[in-house]
Structures are given as C-alpha cells and as structure tokens.
Amino acid sequence: IFLVEAGKTRPSMRTLELIASRTGKSLQ
C-alpha cells in the first residue's frame, strides 16, 4: 500500500479492485 500511495509502484488489477472496494470508489 505504501509503494502504491508513494507512486513507487503500480498496482495490479487485483490490487486496484481491493483498494476500490475499501475506499468505496469504482474501479473505473
């Protein structure tokens, strides 16, 4: 999560799906 937040790495689609579900935002 830190690496994604800091822009050090780019999340996989599965990671994006998890982040989207926990932030209440759409994947799109």
PDB file of all heavy atoms in Angstrom:
ATOM      1  N   ILE A   1       0.831  -1.200   0.000  1.00  0.00           N
ATOM      2  CA  ILE A   1       0.000   0.000   0.000  1.00  0.00           C
ATOM      3  C   ILE A   1       0.866   1.251   0.000  1.00  0.00           C
ATOM      4  O   ILE A   1       0.592   2.223  -0.716  1.00  0.00           O
ATOM      5  CB  ILE A   1      -0.947  -0.002   1.218  1.00  0.00           C
ATOM      6  CG1 ILE A   1      -1.931  -1.176   1.118  1.00  0.00           C
ATOM      7  CG2 ILE A   1      -1.709   1.308   1.324  1.00  0.00           C
ATOM      8  CD1 ILE A   1      -2.848  -1.125  -0.080  1.00  0.00           C
ATOM      9  N   PHE A   2       1.947   1.215   0.795  1.00  0.00           N
ATOM     10  CA  PHE A   2       2.844   2.372   0.832  1.00  0.00           C
ATOM     11  C   PHE A   2       3.431   2.660  -0.545  1.00  0.00           C
ATOM     12  O   PHE A   2       3.478   3.809  -0.996  1.00  0.00           O
ATOM     13  CB  PHE A   2       3.970   2.148   1.837  1.00  0.00           C
ATOM     14  CG  PHE A   2       5.092   3.160   1.700  1.00  0.00           C
ATOM     15  CD1 PHE A   2       4.973   4.431   2.210  1.00  0.00           C
ATOM     16  CD2 PHE A   2       6.246   2.826   0.999  1.00  0.00           C
ATOM     17  CE1 PHE A   2       5.985   5.356   2.044  1.00  0.00           C
ATOM     18  CE2 PHE A   2       7.265   3.752   0.836  1.00  0.00           C
ATOM     19  CZ  PHE A   2       7.129   5.022   1.362  1.00  0.00           C
ATOM     20  N   LEU A   3       3.897   1.618  -1.230  1.00  0.00           N
ATOM     21  CA  LEU A   3       4.523   1.808  -2.538  1.00  0.00           C
ATOM     22  C   LEU A   3       3.541   2.374  -3.549  1.00  0.00           C
ATOM     23  O   LEU A   3       3.894   3.224  -4.373  1.00  0.00           O
ATOM     24  CB  LEU A   3       5.095   0.477  -3.035  1.00  0.00           C
ATOM     25  CG  LEU A   3       6.337  -0.032  -2.289  1.00  0.00           C
ATOM     26  CD1 LEU A   3       6.721  -1.418  -2.789  1.00  0.00           C
ATOM     27  CD2 LEU A   3       7.497   0.924  -2.458  1.00  0.00           C
ATOM     28  N   VAL A   4       2.286   1.906  -3.498  1.00  0.00           N
ATOM     29  CA  VAL A   4       1.266   2.440  -4.408  1.00  0.00           C
ATOM     30  C   VAL A   4       0.995   3.901  -4.087  1.00  0.00           C
ATOM     31  O   VAL A   4       0.958   4.764  -4.967  1.00  0.00           O
ATOM     32  CB  VAL A   4      -0.035   1.602  -4.306  1.00  0.00           C
ATOM     33  CG1 VAL A   4      -1.155   2.269  -5.086  1.00  0.00           C
ATOM     34  CG2 VAL A   4       0.195   0.195  -4.835  1.00  0.00           C
ATOM     35  N   GLU A   5       0.813   4.194  -2.795  1.00  0.00           N
ATOM     36  CA  GLU A   5       0.487   5.555  -2.361  1.00  0.00           C
ATOM     37  C   GLU A   5       1.607   6.534  -2.702  1.00  0.00           C
ATOM     38  O   GLU A   5       1.349   7.685  -3.096  1.00  0.00           O
ATOM     39  CB  GLU A   5       0.231   5.556  -0.852  1.00  0.00           C
ATOM     40  CG  GLU A   5      -0.227   6.897  -0.311  1.00  0.00           C
ATOM     41  CD  GLU A   5      -0.466   6.846   1.182  1.00  0.00           C
ATOM     42  OE1 GLU A   5       0.327   6.211   1.888  1.00  0.00           O
ATOM     43  OE2 GLU A   5      -1.461   7.433   1.623  1.00  0.00           O
ATOM     44  N   ALA A   6       2.858   6.072  -2.561  1.00  0.00           N
ATOM     45  CA  ALA A   6       4.002   6.955  -2.808  1.00  0.00           C
ATOM     46  C   ALA A   6       4.379   7.041  -4.284  1.00  0.00           C
ATOM     47  O   ALA A   6       5.301   7.760  -4.646  1.00  0.00           O
ATOM     48  CB  ALA A   6       5.205   6.462  -1.995  1.00  0.00           C
ATOM     49  N   GLY A   7       3.680   6.287  -5.131  1.00  0.00           N
ATOM     50  CA  GLY A   7       3.989   6.321  -6.555  1.00  0.00           C
ATOM     51  C   GLY A   7       5.228   5.544  -6.922  1.00  0.00           C
ATOM     52  O   GLY A   7       5.795   5.720  -8.002  1.00  0.00           O
ATOM     53  N   LYS A   8       5.693   4.654  -6.013  1.00  0.00           N
ATOM     54  CA  LYS A   8       6.887   3.864  -6.285  1.00  0.00           C
ATOM     55  C   LYS A   8       6.592   2.606  -7.089  1.00  0.00           C
ATOM     56  O   LYS A   8       7.496   1.977  -7.623  1.00  0.00           O
ATOM     57  CB  LYS A   8       7.555   3.458  -4.962  1.00  0.00           C
ATOM     58  CG  LYS A   8       7.998   4.631  -4.099  1.00  0.00           C
ATOM     59  CD  LYS A   8       9.146   5.370  -4.714  1.00  0.00           C
ATOM     60  CE  LYS A   8       9.666   6.453  -3.786  1.00  0.00           C
ATOM     61  NZ  LYS A   8      10.764   7.233  -4.421  1.00  0.00           N
ATOM     62  N   THR A   9       5.339   2.218  -7.112  1.00  0.00           N
ATOM     63  CA  THR A   9       4.970   1.023  -7.854  1.00  0.00           C
ATOM     64  C   THR A   9       3.547   1.188  -8.358  1.00  0.00           C
ATOM     65  O   THR A   9       2.793   2.038  -7.873  1.00  0.00           O
ATOM     66  CB  THR A   9       5.086  -0.233  -6.979  1.00  0.00           C
ATOM     67  OG1 THR A   9       4.942  -1.397  -7.786  1.00  0.00           O
ATOM     68  CG2 THR A   9       4.006  -0.258  -5.898  1.00  0.00           C
ATOM     69  N   ARG A  10       3.175   0.379  -9.339  1.00  0.00           N
ATOM     70  CA  ARG A  10       1.839   0.469  -9.911  1.00  0.00           C
ATOM     71  C   ARG A  10       1.082  -0.815  -9.588  1.00  0.00           C
ATOM     72  O   ARG A  10       1.590  -1.907  -9.777  1.00  0.00           O
ATOM     73  CB  ARG A  10       1.924   0.685 -11.421  1.00  0.00           C
ATOM     74  CG  ARG A  10       2.687   1.963 -11.731  1.00  0.00           C
ATOM     75  CD  ARG A  10       2.717   2.313 -13.197  1.00  0.00           C
ATOM     76  NE  ARG A  10       3.561   3.481 -13.371  1.00  0.00           N
ATOM     77  CZ  ARG A  10       3.160   4.729 -13.122  1.00  0.00           C
ATOM     78  NH1 ARG A  10       1.935   4.952 -12.705  1.00  0.00           N
ATOM     79  NH2 ARG A  10       3.985   5.745 -13.266  1.00  0.00           N
ATOM     80  N   PRO A  11      -0.135  -0.675  -9.090  1.00  0.00           N
ATOM     81  CA  PRO A  11      -0.874  -1.845  -8.616  1.00  0.00           C
ATOM     82  C   PRO A  11      -1.366  -2.729  -9.749  1.00  0.00           C
ATOM     83  O   PRO A  11      -1.660  -2.246 -10.843  1.00  0.00           O
ATOM     84  CB  PRO A  11      -2.049  -1.240  -7.848  1.00  0.00           C
ATOM     85  CG  PRO A  11      -2.276   0.085  -8.512  1.00  0.00           C
ATOM     86  CD  PRO A  11      -0.908   0.570  -8.909  1.00  0.00           C
ATOM     87  N   SER A  12      -1.467  -4.014  -9.449  1.00  0.00           N
ATOM     88  CA  SER A  12      -2.102  -4.938 -10.384  1.00  0.00           C
ATOM     89  C   SER A  12      -3.604  -4.688 -10.361  1.00  0.00           C
ATOM     90  O   SER A  12      -4.135  -3.980  -9.494  1.00  0.00           O
ATOM     91  CB  SER A  12      -1.812  -6.383  -9.972  1.00  0.00           C
ATOM     92  OG  SER A  12      -2.452  -6.661  -8.735  1.00  0.00           O
ATOM     93  N   MET A  13      -4.307  -5.291 -11.311  1.00  0.00           N
ATOM     94  CA  MET A  13      -5.747  -5.107 -11.370  1.00  0.00           C
ATOM     95  C   MET A  13      -6.410  -5.648 -10.103  1.00  0.00           C
ATOM     96  O   MET A  13      -7.360  -5.052  -9.578  1.00  0.00           O
ATOM     97  CB  MET A  13      -6.312  -5.807 -12.606  1.00  0.00           C
ATOM     98  CG  MET A  13      -7.746  -5.390 -12.935  1.00  0.00           C
ATOM     99  SD  MET A  13      -7.897  -3.615 -13.254  1.00  0.00           S
ATOM    100  CE  MET A  13      -7.034  -3.475 -14.808  1.00  0.00           C
ATOM    101  N   ARG A  14      -5.904  -6.761  -9.576  1.00  0.00           N
ATOM    102  CA  ARG A  14      -6.475  -7.319  -8.355  1.00  0.00           C
ATOM    103  C   ARG A  14      -6.286  -6.362  -7.186  1.00  0.00           C
ATOM    104  O   ARG A  14      -7.205  -6.148  -6.382  1.00  0.00           O
ATOM    105  CB  ARG A  14      -5.801  -8.668  -8.048  1.00  0.00           C
ATOM    106  CG  ARG A  14      -6.187  -9.286  -6.704  1.00  0.00           C
ATOM    107  CD  ARG A  14      -7.663  -9.526  -6.590  1.00  0.00           C
ATOM    108  NE  ARG A  14      -8.011 -10.153  -5.317  1.00  0.00           N
ATOM    109  CZ  ARG A  14      -9.205 -10.091  -4.772  1.00  0.00           C
ATOM    110  NH1 ARG A  14     -10.186  -9.420  -5.370  1.00  0.00           N
ATOM    111  NH2 ARG A  14      -9.444 -10.698  -3.620  1.00  0.00           N
ATOM    112  N   THR A  15      -5.085  -5.748  -7.099  1.00  0.00           N
ATOM    113  CA  THR A  15      -4.835  -4.774  -6.025  1.00  0.00           C
ATOM    114  C   THR A  15      -5.764  -3.581  -6.167  1.00  0.00           C
ATOM    115  O   THR A  15      -6.317  -3.088  -5.176  1.00  0.00           O
ATOM    116  CB  THR A  15      -3.370  -4.322  -6.046  1.00  0.00           C
ATOM    117  OG1 THR A  15      -2.527  -5.457  -5.856  1.00  0.00           O
ATOM    118  CG2 THR A  15      -3.087  -3.293  -4.963  1.00  0.00           C
ATOM    119  N   LEU A  16      -5.968  -3.109  -7.393  1.00  0.00           N
ATOM    120  CA  LEU A  16      -6.888  -1.993  -7.629  1.00  0.00           C
ATOM    121  C   LEU A  16      -8.304  -2.339  -7.179  1.00  0.00           C
ATOM    122  O   LEU A  16      -9.015  -1.506  -6.606  1.00  0.00           O
ATOM    123  CB  LEU A  16      -6.900  -1.614  -9.113  1.00  0.00           C
ATOM    124  CG  LEU A  16      -5.806  -0.665  -9.610  1.00  0.00           C
ATOM    125  CD1 LEU A  16      -6.029  -0.336 -11.070  1.00  0.00           C
ATOM    126  CD2 LEU A  16      -5.791   0.614  -8.784  1.00  0.00           C
ATOM    127  N   GLU A  17      -8.723  -3.559  -7.459  1.00  0.00           N
ATOM    128  CA  GLU A  17     -10.070  -3.981  -7.062  1.00  0.00           C
ATOM    129  C   GLU A  17     -10.222  -3.929  -5.540  1.00  0.00           C
ATOM    130  O   GLU A  17     -11.248  -3.479  -5.017  1.00  0.00           O
ATOM    131  CB  GLU A  17     -10.343  -5.395  -7.562  1.00  0.00           C
ATOM    132  CG  GLU A  17     -10.515  -5.474  -9.079  1.00  0.00           C
ATOM    133  CD  GLU A  17     -10.605  -6.910  -9.585  1.00  0.00           C
ATOM    134  OE1 GLU A  17     -10.381  -7.833  -8.763  1.00  0.00           O
ATOM    135  OE2 GLU A  17     -10.881  -7.101 -10.775  1.00  0.00           O
ATOM    136  N   LEU A  18      -9.183  -4.387  -4.809  1.00  0.00           N
ATOM    137  CA  LEU A  18      -9.232  -4.364  -3.348  1.00  0.00           C
ATOM    138  C   LEU A  18      -9.253  -2.930  -2.823  1.00  0.00           C
ATOM    139  O   LEU A  18     -10.011  -2.603  -1.902  1.00  0.00           O
ATOM    140  CB  LEU A  18      -8.034  -5.126  -2.774  1.00  0.00           C
ATOM    141  CG  LEU A  18      -8.044  -6.643  -2.987  1.00  0.00           C
ATOM    142  CD1 LEU A  18      -6.687  -7.235  -2.626  1.00  0.00           C
ATOM    143  CD2 LEU A  18      -9.128  -7.293  -2.152  1.00  0.00           C
ATOM    144  N   ILE A  19      -8.409  -2.063  -3.409  1.00  0.00           N
ATOM    145  CA  ILE A  19      -8.372  -0.660  -2.980  1.00  0.00           C
ATOM    146  C   ILE A  19      -9.716   0.007  -3.259  1.00  0.00           C
ATOM    147  O   ILE A  19     -10.245   0.759  -2.428  1.00  0.00           O
ATOM    148  CB  ILE A  19      -7.229   0.084  -3.681  1.00  0.00           C
ATOM    149  CG1 ILE A  19      -5.877  -0.439  -3.177  1.00  0.00           C
ATOM    150  CG2 ILE A  19      -7.331   1.594  -3.440  1.00  0.00           C
ATOM    151  CD1 ILE A  19      -4.672   0.132  -3.912  1.00  0.00           C
ATOM    152  N   ALA A  20     -10.274  -0.274  -4.434  1.00  0.00           N
ATOM    153  CA  ALA A  20     -11.554   0.318  -4.792  1.00  0.00           C
ATOM    154  C   ALA A  20     -12.651  -0.094  -3.810  1.00  0.00           C
ATOM    155  O   ALA A  20     -13.448   0.737  -3.351  1.00  0.00           O
ATOM    156  CB  ALA A  20     -11.940  -0.088  -6.219  1.00  0.00           C
ATOM    157  N   SER A  21     -12.685  -1.379  -3.456  1.00  0.00           N
ATOM    158  CA  SER A  21     -13.734  -1.854  -2.553  1.00  0.00           C
ATOM    159  C   SER A  21     -13.598  -1.238  -1.166  1.00  0.00           C
ATOM    160  O   SER A  21     -14.598  -0.952  -0.502  1.00  0.00           O
ATOM    161  CB  SER A  21     -13.698  -3.379  -2.458  1.00  0.00           C
ATOM    162  OG  SER A  21     -12.512  -3.816  -1.814  1.00  0.00           O
ATOM    163  N   ARG A  22     -12.361  -0.990  -0.720  1.00  0.00           N
ATOM    164  CA  ARG A  22     -12.152  -0.476   0.636  1.00  0.00           C
ATOM    165  C   ARG A  22     -12.251   1.042   0.724  1.00  0.00           C
ATOM    166  O   ARG A  22     -12.359   1.593   1.823  1.00  0.00           O
ATOM    167  CB  ARG A  22     -10.805  -0.961   1.166  1.00  0.00           C
ATOM    168  CG  ARG A  22     -10.862  -2.452   1.501  1.00  0.00           C
ATOM    169  CD  ARG A  22      -9.552  -3.044   1.875  1.00  0.00           C
ATOM    170  NE  ARG A  22      -9.742  -4.504   2.027  1.00  0.00           N
ATOM    171  CZ  ARG A  22      -8.817  -5.407   1.825  1.00  0.00           C
ATOM    172  NH1 ARG A  22      -7.612  -5.030   1.471  1.00  0.00           N
ATOM    173  NH2 ARG A  22      -9.073  -6.690   1.969  1.00  0.00           N
ATOM    174  N   THR A  23     -12.190   1.712  -0.425  1.00  0.00           N
ATOM    175  CA  THR A  23     -12.364   3.169  -0.423  1.00  0.00           C
ATOM    176  C   THR A  23     -13.765   3.560  -0.865  1.00  0.00           C
ATOM    177  O   THR A  23     -14.110   4.744  -0.849  1.00  0.00           O
ATOM    178  CB  THR A  23     -11.341   3.843  -1.360  1.00  0.00           C
ATOM    179  OG1 THR A  23     -11.454   3.281  -2.672  1.00  0.00           O
ATOM    180  CG2 THR A  23      -9.931   3.657  -0.831  1.00  0.00           C
ATOM    181  N   GLY A  24     -14.566   2.580  -1.276  1.00  0.00           N
ATOM    182  CA  GLY A  24     -15.931   2.866  -1.696  1.00  0.00           C
ATOM    183  C   GLY A  24     -16.015   3.541  -3.050  1.00  0.00           C
ATOM    184  O   GLY A  24     -17.024   4.169  -3.384  1.00  0.00           O
ATOM    185  N   LYS A  25     -14.956   3.422  -3.851  1.00  0.00           N
ATOM    186  CA  LYS A  25     -14.943   4.029  -5.184  1.00  0.00           C
ATOM    187  C   LYS A  25     -15.045   2.942  -6.243  1.00  0.00           C
ATOM    188  O   LYS A  25     -14.772   1.760  -5.979  1.00  0.00           O
ATOM    189  CB  LYS A  25     -13.663   4.849  -5.396  1.00  0.00           C
ATOM    190  CG  LYS A  25     -13.532   6.045  -4.463  1.00  0.00           C
ATOM    191  CD  LYS A  25     -12.257   6.815  -4.744  1.00  0.00           C
ATOM    192  CE  LYS A  25     -12.132   8.020  -3.837  1.00  0.00           C
ATOM    193  NZ  LYS A  25     -13.161   9.040  -4.140  1.00  0.00           N
ATOM    194  N   SER A  26     -15.407   3.342  -7.443  1.00  0.00           N
ATOM    195  CA  SER A  26     -15.491   2.380  -8.533  1.00  0.00           C
ATOM    196  C   SER A  26     -14.099   2.076  -9.060  1.00  0.00           C
ATOM    197  O   SER A  26     -13.189   2.910  -8.947  1.00  0.00           O
ATOM    198  CB  SER A  26     -16.354   2.933  -9.670  1.00  0.00           C
ATOM    199  OG  SER A  26     -15.693   4.022 -10.299  1.00  0.00           O
ATOM    200  N   LEU A  27     -13.933   0.894  -9.628  1.00  0.00           N
ATOM    201  CA  LEU A  27     -12.649   0.535 -10.222  1.00  0.00           C
ATOM    202  C   LEU A  27     -12.283   1.499 -11.333  1.00  0.00           C
ATOM    203  O   LEU A  27     -11.118   1.892 -11.481  1.00  0.00           O
ATOM    204  CB  LEU A  27     -12.716  -0.903 -10.754  1.00  0.00           C
ATOM    205  CG  LEU A  27     -11.463  -1.436 -11.454  1.00  0.00           C
ATOM    206  CD1 LEU A  27     -10.297  -1.499 -10.476  1.00  0.00           C
ATOM    207  CD2 LEU A  27     -11.719  -2.810 -12.043  1.00  0.00           C
ATOM    208  N   GLN A  28     -13.284   1.939 -12.109  1.00  0.00           N
ATOM    209  CA  GLN A  28     -13.031   2.817 -13.242  1.00  0.00           C
ATOM    210  C   GLN A  28     -12.402   4.135 -12.812  1.00  0.00           C
ATOM    211  O   GLN A  28     -11.617   4.731 -13.546  1.00  0.00           O
ATOM    212  CB  GLN A  28     -14.344   3.084 -14.003  1.00  0.00           C
ATOM    213  CG  GLN A  28     -14.166   3.759 -15.351  1.00  0.00           C
ATOM    214  CD  GLN A  28     -13.342   2.917 -16.323  1.00  0.00           C
ATOM    215  OE1 GLN A  28     -13.433   1.702 -16.304  1.00  0.00           O
ATOM    216  NE2 GLN A  28     -12.555   3.583 -17.151  1.00  0.00           N
TER     217      GLN A  28
END
